Amino acid sequence: MGPDRAAHPHLPATSWAVLGMLSFGEELTGNDLKKWADWSIGFFYWSPSVSQVYTELKRLEDRGLVTSRMVAGDGERGRRLYGITDAGVSALRSWSSDADVELPVLKHGVMLRLWMGHLQEPEQLKELVHAHIDNLTEQARRAGVHAEHSDDEPAWAFSQMSLRWSQRYFESEIRLARELLDDIDAAATRYRESAAHGENGLPIPRDPGTWRSTVED
C-alpha cells in the first residue's frame, strides 16, 4: 500500500459521510455541514440533525482526522470551522476504495403500510400511494434543481452525478408506485374472494406457519 492507502480506522458510515463533505476543499461549520447534507447527500444517504453532525465531528477530531479553529469577524459571534487533515484524507481515500460493498438498507414506510393492506379498504391504500407519488415527484424535482446548480463548479462533478442519479432513482420509484395502483386492486380481489376471515376482519390462514418452511437462512 502507498501512503494514501493505509488501513482506515473503524468508524460508522455517518462519520465517513461527514468527513467526505469536508473533502471538497472548504472549512465548514457544523451548521454548514447540516445544510450541505440536506442539499446533497440527503437525497441518497443521510439527512442528519445538527446534533448528529457535531457528534461525528467530535469523533473525527478526537481521532485526528479533522481539525477545528475559531474565527470571528467584526461584531460577529465566533464560529468554529472544521477542516479535514492529511490523515483524514488518507483514511477517507482508503475507506472509499476498500470498504466492503454493502446492500442498501431499505426502510420503506409506505410499503410497510401496504404490506398490512388487509386492514384497510383499497381506496384508502390508493390515497396513500398517491401521496407517496406526490412526495417522490417533489424530491425528484429538487434533486434535479440541485444538480443544475452544480453546473458552474467543476469540483462538484461527482456530486452532480450523484444528484442526477438521485433524480432518476425517484423517477423510477414513481413508476413502481404507479404500478401499485393496479396491484392493489388485484390483491384486494384475491383477498376478498379467496381468504377466510374471522369476526374481527383479520385473515384466517389456511396453514399457519407455512412461511417458516420458505424462509432462507
Protein backbone atom coordinates (compact mmCIF):
# COMPACT_ATOMS: atom_id res chain seq x y z
CA MET A 1 0.00 0.00 0.00
CA GLY A 2 1.14 3.54 -0.70
CA PRO A 3 0.96 6.38 1.82
CA ASP A 4 -2.63 7.19 0.81
CA ARG A 5 -3.80 3.58 1.13
CA ALA A 6 -3.12 2.95 4.82
CA ALA A 7 -5.73 0.93 6.65
CA HIS A 8 -8.67 3.10 7.60
CA PRO A 9 -10.00 3.21 11.19
CA HIS A 10 -13.25 1.54 12.14
CA LEU A 11 -15.89 4.27 12.07
CA PRO A 12 -19.64 4.35 11.44
CA ALA A 13 -20.66 5.24 7.91
CA THR A 14 -22.09 8.56 9.14
CA SER A 15 -18.58 9.61 10.19
CA TRP A 16 -17.31 8.90 6.69
CA ALA A 17 -20.20 10.93 5.26
CA VAL A 18 -19.25 13.97 7.36
CA LEU A 19 -15.56 13.52 6.56
CA GLY A 20 -16.45 13.23 2.89
CA MET A 21 -18.23 16.58 2.96
CA LEU A 22 -15.03 18.12 4.28
CA SER A 23 -13.05 16.66 1.38
CA PHE A 24 -14.30 19.27 -1.11
CA GLY A 25 -11.67 21.84 -0.11
CA GLU A 26 -13.65 24.08 2.27
CA GLU A 27 -13.62 24.66 6.00
CA LEU A 28 -17.19 24.45 7.27
CA THR A 29 -19.15 24.92 10.46
CA GLY A 30 -21.40 22.21 11.82
CA ASN A 31 -24.42 24.17 10.58
CA ASP A 32 -22.82 24.44 7.14
CA LEU A 33 -22.39 20.67 7.07
CA LYS A 34 -26.03 20.14 8.06
CA LYS A 35 -27.21 22.43 5.26
CA TRP A 36 -24.92 20.83 2.70
CA ALA A 37 -26.05 17.35 3.71
CA ASP A 38 -29.66 18.42 3.14
CA TRP A 39 -28.62 19.89 -0.22
CA SER A 40 -26.69 16.86 -1.44
CA ILE A 41 -26.26 13.51 0.33
CA GLY A 42 -29.69 13.80 1.95
CA PHE A 43 -31.17 12.73 -1.37
CA PHE A 44 -29.49 9.34 -1.37
CA TYR A 45 -27.94 8.63 2.02
CA TRP A 46 -28.50 10.68 5.17
CA SER A 47 -30.19 13.86 6.31
CA PRO A 48 -28.71 14.42 9.77
CA SER A 49 -29.71 16.59 12.68
CA VAL A 50 -27.27 19.30 13.75
CA SER A 51 -26.53 17.34 16.94
CA GLN A 52 -25.62 14.26 14.86
CA VAL A 53 -23.23 16.33 12.77
CA TYR A 54 -21.45 17.68 15.84
CA THR A 55 -21.27 14.20 17.38
CA GLU A 56 -19.49 12.93 14.28
CA LEU A 57 -17.20 15.97 14.15
CA LYS A 58 -16.08 15.37 17.74
CA ARG A 59 -15.42 11.71 16.95
CA LEU A 60 -13.37 12.66 13.90
CA GLU A 61 -11.43 15.39 15.70
CA ASP A 62 -10.61 13.03 18.57
CA ARG A 63 -9.05 10.69 16.01
CA GLY A 64 -7.05 13.42 14.33
CA LEU A 65 -8.98 13.17 11.06
CA VAL A 66 -10.46 16.66 11.42
CA THR A 67 -9.12 19.88 12.89
CA SER A 68 -11.03 22.96 14.00
CA ARG A 69 -10.39 26.63 14.71
CA MET A 70 -12.40 29.56 15.98
CA VAL A 71 -12.88 32.61 13.74
CA ALA A 72 -14.72 35.86 14.42
CA GLY A 73 -15.38 38.89 12.27
CA ASP A 74 -16.14 42.43 13.40
CA GLY A 75 -19.25 42.32 15.54
CA GLU A 76 -19.78 38.61 14.85
CA ARG A 77 -20.02 35.82 17.32
CA GLY A 78 -17.18 33.35 17.00
CA ARG A 79 -17.66 30.40 14.65
CA ARG A 80 -15.85 27.09 14.78
CA LEU A 81 -14.63 25.97 11.37
CA TYR A 82 -13.75 22.34 10.68
CA GLY A 83 -11.32 21.11 8.06
CA ILE A 84 -10.01 17.71 7.02
CA THR A 85 -6.44 16.78 7.96
CA ASP A 86 -3.93 14.91 5.81
CA ALA A 87 -4.61 11.85 7.95
CA GLY A 88 -8.32 12.34 7.29
CA VAL A 89 -7.77 12.49 3.54
CA SER A 90 -5.69 9.31 3.67
CA ALA A 91 -8.25 7.46 5.79
CA LEU A 92 -11.16 8.64 3.63
CA ARG A 93 -9.41 7.62 0.43
CA SER A 94 -8.73 4.18 1.90
CA TRP A 95 -12.30 3.72 3.15
CA SER A 96 -13.91 4.85 -0.12
CA SER A 97 -11.67 2.45 -2.04
CA ASP A 98 -11.52 -0.63 0.18
CA ALA A 99 -14.63 -0.77 2.38
CA ASP A 100 -16.95 -3.71 1.79
CA VAL A 101 -19.79 -3.15 -0.67
CA GLU A 102 -22.97 -3.41 1.39
CA LEU A 103 -26.54 -3.80 0.26
CA PRO A 104 -28.53 -0.61 0.88
CA VAL A 105 -30.95 -0.86 3.78
CA LEU A 106 -34.49 -0.35 2.51
CA LYS A 107 -36.77 1.14 5.16
CA HIS A 108 -39.92 1.86 3.20
CA GLY A 109 -42.72 3.16 5.41
CA VAL A 110 -45.30 3.20 2.61
CA MET A 111 -44.64 -0.44 1.72
CA LEU A 112 -44.88 -1.41 5.39
CA ARG A 113 -48.40 0.02 5.46
CA LEU A 114 -49.32 -1.62 2.15
CA TRP A 115 -47.98 -4.95 3.45
CA MET A 116 -50.74 -4.82 6.06
CA GLY A 117 -53.24 -3.65 3.47
CA HIS A 118 -55.81 -6.21 4.64
CA LEU A 119 -56.60 -3.72 7.44
CA GLN A 120 -57.76 -1.01 5.02
CA GLU A 121 -60.02 -0.53 2.02
CA PRO A 122 -58.33 -0.43 -1.41
CA GLU A 123 -59.24 3.22 -1.96
CA GLN A 124 -57.51 4.20 1.27
CA LEU A 125 -54.40 2.38 0.14
CA LYS A 126 -54.51 4.17 -3.20
CA GLU A 127 -54.73 7.52 -1.44
CA LEU A 128 -51.56 6.57 0.42
CA VAL A 129 -49.79 5.70 -2.84
CA HIS A 130 -50.90 8.95 -4.49
CA ALA A 131 -49.47 10.92 -1.54
CA HIS A 132 -46.27 8.92 -1.90
CA ILE A 133 -46.08 9.79 -5.61
CA ASP A 134 -46.52 13.49 -4.77
CA ASN A 135 -43.62 13.31 -2.30
CA LEU A 136 -41.40 11.48 -4.80
CA THR A 137 -42.21 13.98 -7.54
CA GLU A 138 -41.11 16.84 -5.33
CA GLN A 139 -37.91 15.06 -4.35
CA ALA A 140 -37.08 14.30 -7.99
CA ARG A 141 -37.65 17.95 -8.86
CA ARG A 142 -35.42 19.18 -6.01
CA ALA A 143 -32.62 16.76 -6.85
CA GLY A 144 -32.73 17.94 -10.47
CA VAL A 145 -32.59 21.60 -9.45
CA HIS A 146 -29.64 20.99 -7.15
CA ALA A 147 -27.85 19.10 -9.91
CA GLU A 148 -28.35 22.03 -12.28
CA HIS A 149 -26.89 24.38 -9.66
CA SER A 150 -23.71 22.31 -9.77
CA ASP A 151 -23.02 23.16 -13.41
CA ASP A 152 -20.67 26.06 -12.69
CA GLU A 153 -18.47 24.25 -10.18
CA PRO A 154 -16.19 21.57 -11.70
CA ALA A 155 -15.17 20.42 -8.20
CA TRP A 156 -18.73 19.15 -7.76
CA ALA A 157 -18.72 16.94 -10.85
CA PHE A 158 -19.22 13.74 -8.85
CA SER A 159 -21.67 15.43 -6.52
CA GLN A 160 -23.69 16.46 -9.57
CA MET A 161 -23.51 12.91 -10.90
CA SER A 162 -24.91 11.62 -7.60
CA LEU A 163 -27.72 14.17 -7.66
CA ARG A 164 -28.64 13.16 -11.21
CA TRP A 165 -28.72 9.53 -10.05
CA SER A 166 -30.99 10.57 -7.19
CA GLN A 167 -33.36 12.26 -9.62
CA ARG A 168 -33.52 9.09 -11.75
CA TYR A 169 -34.00 6.96 -8.61
CA PHE A 170 -37.03 8.98 -7.51
CA GLU A 171 -38.43 8.87 -11.04
CA SER A 172 -38.10 5.07 -11.12
CA GLU A 173 -39.76 4.85 -7.72
CA ILE A 174 -42.66 6.90 -9.13
CA ARG A 175 -43.09 4.32 -11.90
CA LEU A 176 -43.12 1.49 -9.35
CA ALA A 177 -45.64 3.37 -7.22
CA ARG A 178 -47.98 3.86 -10.19
CA GLU A 179 -47.88 0.12 -10.87
CA LEU A 180 -49.01 -0.42 -7.29
CA LEU A 181 -52.35 1.21 -8.04
CA ASP A 182 -53.31 -1.75 -10.24
CA ASP A 183 -51.59 -4.20 -7.89
CA ILE A 184 -53.77 -3.02 -5.02
CA ASP A 185 -56.94 -3.89 -6.95
CA ALA A 186 -55.60 -7.34 -7.83
CA ALA A 187 -54.53 -8.06 -4.25
CA ALA A 188 -57.86 -6.81 -2.85
CA THR A 189 -59.81 -9.04 -5.23
CA ARG A 190 -57.74 -12.12 -4.36
CA TYR A 191 -58.01 -11.39 -0.64
CA ARG A 192 -61.75 -10.77 -0.77
CA GLU A 193 -62.57 -13.82 -2.90
CA SER A 194 -60.13 -16.41 -1.57
CA ALA A 195 -59.11 -15.64 2.02
CA ALA A 196 -61.16 -16.69 5.04
CA HIS A 197 -61.83 -14.02 7.67
CA GLY A 198 -62.58 -14.03 11.38
CA GLU A 199 -65.14 -11.91 13.21
CA ASN A 200 -62.64 -9.09 13.66
CA GLY A 201 -61.93 -8.97 9.94
CA LEU A 202 -58.46 -10.47 10.22
CA PRO A 203 -57.49 -13.30 7.89
CA ILE A 204 -57.58 -16.94 8.96
CA PRO A 205 -54.52 -18.69 7.42
CA ARG A 206 -55.17 -22.00 5.68
CA ASP A 207 -51.91 -23.41 7.01
CA PRO A 208 -50.47 -21.30 9.84
CA GLY A 209 -46.69 -21.08 9.92
CA THR A 210 -46.18 -22.14 6.31
CA TRP A 211 -43.85 -19.18 5.85
CA ARG A 212 -41.31 -20.87 8.16
CA SER A 213 -40.55 -23.56 5.59
CA THR A 214 -39.88 -20.98 2.88
CA VAL A 215 -37.59 -18.64 4.82
CA GLU A 216 -33.96 -18.89 3.67
CA ASP A 217 -31.23 -18.93 6.28
